[in-house]
Amino acid sequence: MIAPQHVLPYIISAMAIILIPGPSVLFTIARAISWGRTIAVLTVLGNTLGVFVLSIGVALGLGPILQNSDLLYSLIQIVGGAYIIWLGLNAIRHRVAAAESIVAVQGDAPTKLKTVQQGFVVGILNPKVIVFFAAVLPHFVDPTYSSITSQLFALGAVFCVFGFTFDSLYGLLAGTARDWFASSPNRLVKMRSAGGVVMMMLGLATVLTAPRPW
């Protein structure tokens, strides 16, 4: 269970990172533009399964560590927040190339099983999600409420539910407006730029709010 006082702030933070057009969203949009809504939603399903497995690994790995070390708790947040800032800068720097690669996807549509498998790989290797789970999730843990590991499990599960819902909406919208997206990569450039700015703000907030046990 999530500590009640952290529910709303966590949802806001999770939505900020989910709505940023990072690797998973851009991959889904590319699939939607090339092969339509069904492939897009199956991609999101695979991605969500990958993210869920990742969240389990983070909960099992970080739970005992954070339970016993205030210093590591703080360092993980600071280093992770700095990396989120770097990811935001990188998203802005490569916004044009990313947009061009999305509209350039060609070839026959993969099978449904292959689509889910490919989405799974993207999800479990997504650096944005890895850093979010490692650096931001601990900020919403209350050691006095219940087991840290169980709270990390719950936070990860909530993230997956929201991620599946809104990434699917991205895919459905992109699949419906395929020509609109494909005809102007500049629209995707603007999306990626805005996402980079939001990511940098989230990273900065993570660094500034990290506890200082020293």
C-alpha atoms as a PDB file:
ATOM      1  CA  MET A   1       0.000   0.000   0.000  1.00  0.00           C
ATOM      2  CA  ILE A   2       1.026   3.602  -0.638  1.00  0.00           C
ATOM      3  CA  ALA A   3       1.099   6.007   2.305  1.00  0.00           C
ATOM      4  CA  PRO A   4      -2.051   8.193   1.927  1.00  0.00           C
ATOM      5  CA  GLN A   5      -0.160  11.492   2.046  1.00  0.00           C
ATOM      6  CA  HIS A   6       1.947  10.421  -0.946  1.00  0.00           C
ATOM      7  CA  VAL A   7      -0.853   9.235  -3.257  1.00  0.00           C
ATOM      8  CA  LEU A   8      -1.698  12.530  -4.992  1.00  0.00           C
ATOM      9  CA  PRO A   9       1.904  13.856  -5.258  1.00  0.00           C
ATOM     10  CA  TYR A  10       2.993  10.495  -6.656  1.00  0.00           C
ATOM     11  CA  ILE A  11       0.215  10.405  -9.259  1.00  0.00           C
ATOM     12  CA  ILE A  12       1.227  13.907 -10.404  1.00  0.00           C
ATOM     13  CA  SER A  13       4.898  12.897 -10.697  1.00  0.00           C
ATOM     14  CA  ALA A  14       4.058   9.621 -12.440  1.00  0.00           C
ATOM     15  CA  MET A  15       1.802  11.382 -14.926  1.00  0.00           C
ATOM     16  CA  ALA A  16       4.549  13.903 -15.680  1.00  0.00           C
ATOM     17  CA  ILE A  17       6.999  11.152 -16.601  1.00  0.00           C
ATOM     18  CA  ILE A  18       4.377   9.030 -18.416  1.00  0.00           C
ATOM     19  CA  LEU A  19       3.112  11.860 -20.621  1.00  0.00           C
ATOM     20  CA  ILE A  20       6.643  12.848 -21.666  1.00  0.00           C
ATOM     21  CA  PRO A  21       7.204  11.407 -25.160  1.00  0.00           C
ATOM     22  CA  GLY A  22      10.203   9.255 -24.260  1.00  0.00           C
ATOM     23  CA  PRO A  23      11.439   6.016 -25.872  1.00  0.00           C
ATOM     24  CA  SER A  24       8.280   4.003 -25.220  1.00  0.00           C
ATOM     25  CA  VAL A  25       5.844   6.651 -26.440  1.00  0.00           C
ATOM     26  CA  LEU A  26       7.922   7.461 -29.530  1.00  0.00           C
ATOM     27  CA  PHE A  27       8.227   3.751 -30.328  1.00  0.00           C
ATOM     28  CA  THR A  28       4.457   3.379 -29.990  1.00  0.00           C
ATOM     29  CA  ILE A  29       3.767   6.413 -32.184  1.00  0.00           C
ATOM     30  CA  ALA A  30       6.131   5.075 -34.853  1.00  0.00           C
ATOM     31  CA  ARG A  31       4.269   1.756 -34.826  1.00  0.00           C
ATOM     32  CA  ALA A  32       0.902   3.522 -34.965  1.00  0.00           C
ATOM     33  CA  ILE A  33       1.918   5.669 -37.938  1.00  0.00           C
ATOM     34  CA  SER A  34       3.263   2.670 -39.839  1.00  0.00           C
ATOM     35  CA  TRP A  35       0.806  -0.102 -38.978  1.00  0.00           C
ATOM     36  CA  GLY A  36      -2.205   1.314 -37.187  1.00  0.00           C
ATOM     37  CA  ARG A  37      -3.897   1.212 -33.811  1.00  0.00           C
ATOM     38  CA  THR A  38      -3.895  -2.535 -33.115  1.00  0.00           C
ATOM     39  CA  ILE A  39      -0.121  -2.822 -33.446  1.00  0.00           C
ATOM     40  CA  ALA A  40       0.256   0.324 -31.324  1.00  0.00           C
ATOM     41  CA  VAL A  41      -1.838  -1.042 -28.433  1.00  0.00           C
ATOM     42  CA  LEU A  42      -0.083  -4.431 -28.554  1.00  0.00           C
ATOM     43  CA  THR A  43       3.231  -2.554 -28.415  1.00  0.00           C
ATOM     44  CA  VAL A  44       2.030  -0.734 -25.297  1.00  0.00           C
ATOM     45  CA  LEU A  45       0.946  -4.047 -23.740  1.00  0.00           C
ATOM     46  CA  GLY A  46       4.420  -5.498 -24.233  1.00  0.00           C
ATOM     47  CA  ASN A  47       6.028  -2.316 -22.976  1.00  0.00           C
ATOM     48  CA  THR A  48       3.887  -2.334 -19.828  1.00  0.00           C
ATOM     49  CA  LEU A  49       4.811  -5.959 -19.090  1.00  0.00           C
ATOM     50  CA  GLY A  50       8.480  -5.012 -19.418  1.00  0.00           C
ATOM     51  CA  VAL A  51       8.053  -2.038 -17.106  1.00  0.00           C
ATOM     52  CA  PHE A  52       6.214  -4.207 -14.558  1.00  0.00           C
ATOM     53  CA  VAL A  53       9.052  -6.745 -14.488  1.00  0.00           C
ATOM     54  CA  LEU A  54      11.466  -3.846 -14.094  1.00  0.00           C
ATOM     55  CA  SER A  55       9.442  -2.443 -11.188  1.00  0.00           C
ATOM     56  CA  ILE A  56       9.553  -5.814  -9.413  1.00  0.00           C
ATOM     57  CA  GLY A  57      13.327  -5.925  -9.784  1.00  0.00           C
ATOM     58  CA  VAL A  58      13.705  -2.387  -8.444  1.00  0.00           C
ATOM     59  CA  ALA A  59      11.410  -3.109  -5.480  1.00  0.00           C
ATOM     60  CA  LEU A  60      13.279  -6.282  -4.517  1.00  0.00           C
ATOM     61  CA  GLY A  61      16.682  -4.696  -5.043  1.00  0.00           C
ATOM     62  CA  LEU A  62      16.125  -1.254  -3.539  1.00  0.00           C
ATOM     63  CA  GLY A  63      13.755  -2.166  -0.714  1.00  0.00           C
ATOM     64  CA  PRO A  64      16.298  -3.716   1.677  1.00  0.00           C
ATOM     65  CA  ILE A  65      18.942  -1.102   0.768  1.00  0.00           C
ATOM     66  CA  LEU A  66      16.710   1.885   1.437  1.00  0.00           C
ATOM     67  CA  GLN A  67      15.450   0.274   4.637  1.00  0.00           C
ATOM     68  CA  ASN A  68      18.948   0.354   6.102  1.00  0.00           C
ATOM     69  CA  SER A  69      20.828   3.299   4.579  1.00  0.00           C
ATOM     70  CA  ASP A  70      19.723   6.937   4.631  1.00  0.00           C
ATOM     71  CA  LEU A  71      22.907   7.909   2.796  1.00  0.00           C
ATOM     72  CA  LEU A  72      22.260   5.568  -0.141  1.00  0.00           C
ATOM     73  CA  TYR A  73      18.628   6.682  -0.180  1.00  0.00           C
ATOM     74  CA  SER A  74      19.765  10.259  -0.726  1.00  0.00           C
ATOM     75  CA  LEU A  75      22.551   9.469  -3.192  1.00  0.00           C
ATOM     76  CA  ILE A  76      20.223   7.391  -5.388  1.00  0.00           C
ATOM     77  CA  GLN A  77      17.813  10.312  -5.622  1.00  0.00           C
ATOM     78  CA  ILE A  78      20.536  12.859  -6.399  1.00  0.00           C
ATOM     79  CA  VAL A  79      22.337  10.754  -9.005  1.00  0.00           C
ATOM     80  CA  GLY A  80      19.067   9.614 -10.541  1.00  0.00           C
ATOM     81  CA  GLY A  81      17.701  13.162 -10.660  1.00  0.00           C
ATOM     82  CA  ALA A  82      20.871  14.352 -12.388  1.00  0.00           C
ATOM     83  CA  TYR A  83      20.495  11.570 -14.945  1.00  0.00           C
ATOM     84  CA  ILE A  84      16.869  12.530 -15.613  1.00  0.00           C
ATOM     85  CA  ILE A  85      18.093  16.080 -16.320  1.00  0.00           C
ATOM     86  CA  TRP A  86      20.632  14.629 -18.766  1.00  0.00           C
ATOM     87  CA  LEU A  87      17.920  12.556 -20.463  1.00  0.00           C
ATOM     88  CA  GLY A  88      15.855  15.710 -20.898  1.00  0.00           C
ATOM     89  CA  LEU A  89      18.767  17.574 -22.463  1.00  0.00           C
ATOM     90  CA  ASN A  90      19.476  14.617 -24.718  1.00  0.00           C
ATOM     91  CA  ALA A  91      15.835  14.462 -25.837  1.00  0.00           C
ATOM     92  CA  ILE A  92      16.016  18.115 -26.890  1.00  0.00           C
ATOM     93  CA  ARG A  93      19.386  17.735 -28.632  1.00  0.00           C
ATOM     94  CA  HIS A  94      18.219  14.796 -30.758  1.00  0.00           C
ATOM     95  CA  ARG A  95      14.607  15.883 -31.289  1.00  0.00           C
ATOM     96  CA  VAL A  96      14.895  16.279 -35.061  1.00  0.00           C
ATOM     97  CA  ALA A  97      16.608  12.929 -35.703  1.00  0.00           C
ATOM     98  CA  ALA A  98      14.076  11.156 -33.471  1.00  0.00           C
ATOM     99  CA  ALA A  99      11.132  12.675 -35.338  1.00  0.00           C
ATOM    100  CA  GLU A 100      12.582  11.727 -38.721  1.00  0.00           C
ATOM    101  CA  SER A 101      13.166   8.132 -37.611  1.00  0.00           C
ATOM    102  CA  ILE A 102       9.541   7.808 -36.483  1.00  0.00           C
ATOM    103  CA  VAL A 103       8.042   8.732 -39.837  1.00  0.00           C
ATOM    104  CA  ALA A 104      10.616   6.613 -41.710  1.00  0.00           C
ATOM    105  CA  VAL A 105       9.541   3.210 -40.307  1.00  0.00           C
ATOM    106  CA  GLN A 106       8.719   0.898 -43.198  1.00  0.00           C
ATOM    107  CA  GLY A 107       8.155  -2.769 -44.010  1.00  0.00           C
ATOM    108  CA  ASP A 108       5.491  -5.315 -43.201  1.00  0.00           C
ATOM    109  CA  ALA A 109       3.763  -5.252 -39.831  1.00  0.00           C
ATOM    110  CA  PRO A 110       5.163  -7.738 -37.296  1.00  0.00           C
ATOM    111  CA  THR A 111       2.987 -10.518 -35.909  1.00  0.00           C
ATOM    112  CA  LYS A 112       0.983  -9.818 -32.750  1.00  0.00           C
ATOM    113  CA  LEU A 113       3.292 -11.957 -30.606  1.00  0.00           C
ATOM    114  CA  LYS A 114       6.380 -10.322 -32.080  1.00  0.00           C
ATOM    115  CA  THR A 115       4.865  -6.906 -31.455  1.00  0.00           C
ATOM    116  CA  VAL A 116       4.337  -7.672 -27.764  1.00  0.00           C
ATOM    117  CA  GLN A 117       7.859  -9.093 -27.485  1.00  0.00           C
ATOM    118  CA  GLN A 118       9.403  -6.005 -29.061  1.00  0.00           C
ATOM    119  CA  GLY A 119       7.385  -3.732 -26.792  1.00  0.00           C
ATOM    120  CA  PHE A 120       8.558  -5.764 -23.787  1.00  0.00           C
ATOM    121  CA  VAL A 121      12.213  -5.198 -24.720  1.00  0.00           C
ATOM    122  CA  VAL A 122      11.690  -1.455 -25.108  1.00  0.00           C
ATOM    123  CA  GLY A 123       9.907  -1.297 -21.749  1.00  0.00           C
ATOM    124  CA  ILE A 124      12.416  -3.239 -19.698  1.00  0.00           C
ATOM    125  CA  LEU A 125      15.361  -1.300 -21.184  1.00  0.00           C
ATOM    126  CA  ASN A 126      13.756   2.163 -21.024  1.00  0.00           C
ATOM    127  CA  PRO A 127      16.307   4.402 -19.226  1.00  0.00           C
ATOM    128  CA  LYS A 128      13.664   6.968 -18.313  1.00  0.00           C
ATOM    129  CA  VAL A 129      11.617   4.390 -16.406  1.00  0.00           C
ATOM    130  CA  ILE A 130      14.669   2.745 -14.832  1.00  0.00           C
ATOM    131  CA  VAL A 131      15.832   6.064 -13.388  1.00  0.00           C
ATOM    132  CA  PHE A 132      12.306   7.069 -12.362  1.00  0.00           C
ATOM    133  CA  PHE A 133      11.851   3.867 -10.398  1.00  0.00           C
ATOM    134  CA  ALA A 134      15.295   4.047  -8.800  1.00  0.00           C
ATOM    135  CA  ALA A 135      15.444   7.762  -8.032  1.00  0.00           C
ATOM    136  CA  VAL A 136      11.875   9.065  -7.759  1.00  0.00           C
ATOM    137  CA  LEU A 137       9.929   6.170  -6.228  1.00  0.00           C
ATOM    138  CA  PRO A 138      11.913   6.211  -2.961  1.00  0.00           C
ATOM    139  CA  HIS A 139      10.831   9.826  -2.456  1.00  0.00           C
ATOM    140  CA  PHE A 140       7.253   8.576  -2.003  1.00  0.00           C
ATOM    141  CA  VAL A 141       8.076   5.842   0.496  1.00  0.00           C
ATOM    142  CA  ASP A 142       7.219   6.266   4.180  1.00  0.00           C
ATOM    143  CA  PRO A 143       9.360   3.892   6.296  1.00  0.00           C
ATOM    144  CA  THR A 144       6.936   4.264   9.205  1.00  0.00           C
ATOM    145  CA  TYR A 145       3.876   3.227   7.177  1.00  0.00           C
ATOM    146  CA  SER A 146       4.689  -0.310   5.985  1.00  0.00           C
ATOM    147  CA  SER A 147       7.446  -2.361   4.370  1.00  0.00           C
ATOM    148  CA  ILE A 148       9.495  -0.283   1.935  1.00  0.00           C
ATOM    149  CA  THR A 149       9.567  -3.175  -0.526  1.00  0.00           C
ATOM    150  CA  SER A 150       5.766  -3.506  -0.509  1.00  0.00           C
ATOM    151  CA  GLN A 151       5.370   0.241  -1.008  1.00  0.00           C
ATOM    152  CA  LEU A 152       7.760   0.131  -3.984  1.00  0.00           C
ATOM    153  CA  PHE A 153       5.699  -2.754  -5.428  1.00  0.00           C
ATOM    154  CA  ALA A 154       2.506  -0.702  -5.093  1.00  0.00           C
ATOM    155  CA  LEU A 155       4.075   2.428  -6.578  1.00  0.00           C
ATOM    156  CA  GLY A 156       5.375   0.432  -9.533  1.00  0.00           C
ATOM    157  CA  ALA A 157       1.999  -1.211 -10.139  1.00  0.00           C
ATOM    158  CA  VAL A 158       0.202   2.143 -10.132  1.00  0.00           C
ATOM    159  CA  PHE A 159       2.754   3.483 -12.606  1.00  0.00           C
ATOM    160  CA  CYS A 160       2.110   0.513 -14.924  1.00  0.00           C
ATOM    161  CA  VAL A 161      -1.664   1.020 -14.860  1.00  0.00           C
ATOM    162  CA  PHE A 162      -1.393   4.704 -15.735  1.00  0.00           C
ATOM    163  CA  GLY A 163       1.361   3.989 -18.252  1.00  0.00           C
ATOM    164  CA  PHE A 164      -0.723   1.422 -20.127  1.00  0.00           C
ATOM    165  CA  THR A 165      -3.760   3.697 -20.174  1.00  0.00           C
ATOM    166  CA  PHE A 166      -2.092   6.842 -21.475  1.00  0.00           C
ATOM    167  CA  ASP A 167       0.458   5.211 -23.783  1.00  0.00           C
ATOM    168  CA  SER A 168      -2.472   3.360 -25.373  1.00  0.00           C
ATOM    169  CA  LEU A 169      -4.222   6.688 -25.889  1.00  0.00           C
ATOM    170  CA  TYR A 170      -1.081   8.005 -27.583  1.00  0.00           C
ATOM    171  CA  GLY A 171      -1.077   4.964 -29.852  1.00  0.00           C
ATOM    172  CA  LEU A 172      -4.786   5.195 -30.657  1.00  0.00           C
ATOM    173  CA  LEU A 173      -4.586   8.909 -31.432  1.00  0.00           C
ATOM    174  CA  ALA A 174      -1.462   8.485 -33.556  1.00  0.00           C
ATOM    175  CA  GLY A 175      -3.015   5.539 -35.368  1.00  0.00           C
ATOM    176  CA  THR A 176      -6.154   7.538 -36.093  1.00  0.00           C
ATOM    177  CA  ALA A 177      -4.203  10.621 -37.241  1.00  0.00           C
ATOM    178  CA  ARG A 178      -1.448   8.756 -39.105  1.00  0.00           C
ATOM    179  CA  ASP A 179      -1.345  11.144 -42.049  1.00  0.00           C
ATOM    180  CA  TRP A 180      -1.361  14.205 -39.769  1.00  0.00           C
ATOM    181  CA  PHE A 181       1.706  12.994 -37.860  1.00  0.00           C
ATOM    182  CA  ALA A 182       3.564  11.569 -40.839  1.00  0.00           C
ATOM    183  CA  SER A 183       3.089  14.680 -42.978  1.00  0.00           C
ATOM    184  CA  SER A 184       4.877  16.950 -40.506  1.00  0.00           C
ATOM    185  CA  PRO A 185       7.786  15.660 -38.411  1.00  0.00           C
ATOM    186  CA  ASN A 186       7.911  19.158 -36.908  1.00  0.00           C
ATOM    187  CA  ARG A 187       4.928  18.249 -34.733  1.00  0.00           C
ATOM    188  CA  LEU A 188       6.914  15.378 -33.246  1.00  0.00           C
ATOM    189  CA  VAL A 189       9.911  17.686 -32.778  1.00  0.00           C
ATOM    190  CA  LYS A 190       7.775  20.020 -30.663  1.00  0.00           C
ATOM    191  CA  MET A 191       6.438  17.098 -28.607  1.00  0.00           C
ATOM    192  CA  ARG A 192       9.937  15.842 -27.879  1.00  0.00           C
ATOM    193  CA  SER A 193      11.178  19.329 -26.988  1.00  0.00           C
ATOM    194  CA  ALA A 194       8.338  19.865 -24.526  1.00  0.00           C
ATOM    195  CA  GLY A 195       8.957  16.433 -23.050  1.00  0.00           C
ATOM    196  CA  GLY A 196      12.641  17.197 -22.591  1.00  0.00           C
ATOM    197  CA  VAL A 197      11.851  20.380 -20.677  1.00  0.00           C
ATOM    198  CA  VAL A 198       9.404  18.582 -18.361  1.00  0.00           C
ATOM    199  CA  MET A 199      11.929  15.794 -17.795  1.00  0.00           C
ATOM    200  CA  MET A 200      14.602  18.315 -16.802  1.00  0.00           C
ATOM    201  CA  MET A 201      12.213  19.986 -14.356  1.00  0.00           C
ATOM    202  CA  LEU A 202      11.346  16.631 -12.769  1.00  0.00           C
ATOM    203  CA  GLY A 203      15.044  15.756 -12.470  1.00  0.00           C
ATOM    204  CA  LEU A 204      15.828  19.096 -10.846  1.00  0.00           C
ATOM    205  CA  ALA A 205      12.957  18.675  -8.371  1.00  0.00           C
ATOM    206  CA  THR A 206      14.254  15.184  -7.501  1.00  0.00           C
ATOM    207  CA  VAL A 207      17.738  16.507  -6.787  1.00  0.00           C
ATOM    208  CA  LEU A 208      16.529  19.488  -4.733  1.00  0.00           C
ATOM    209  CA  THR A 209      14.127  17.467  -2.570  1.00  0.00           C
ATOM    210  CA  ALA A 210      16.555  14.638  -1.784  1.00  0.00           C
ATOM    211  CA  PRO A 211      17.257  14.383   1.975  1.00  0.00           C
ATOM    212  CA  ARG A 212      20.687  15.423   3.204  1.00  0.00           C
ATOM    213  CA  PRO A 213      21.785  12.961   5.920  1.00  0.00           C
ATOM    214  CA  TRP A 214      25.366  14.262   6.001  1.00  0.00           C
END
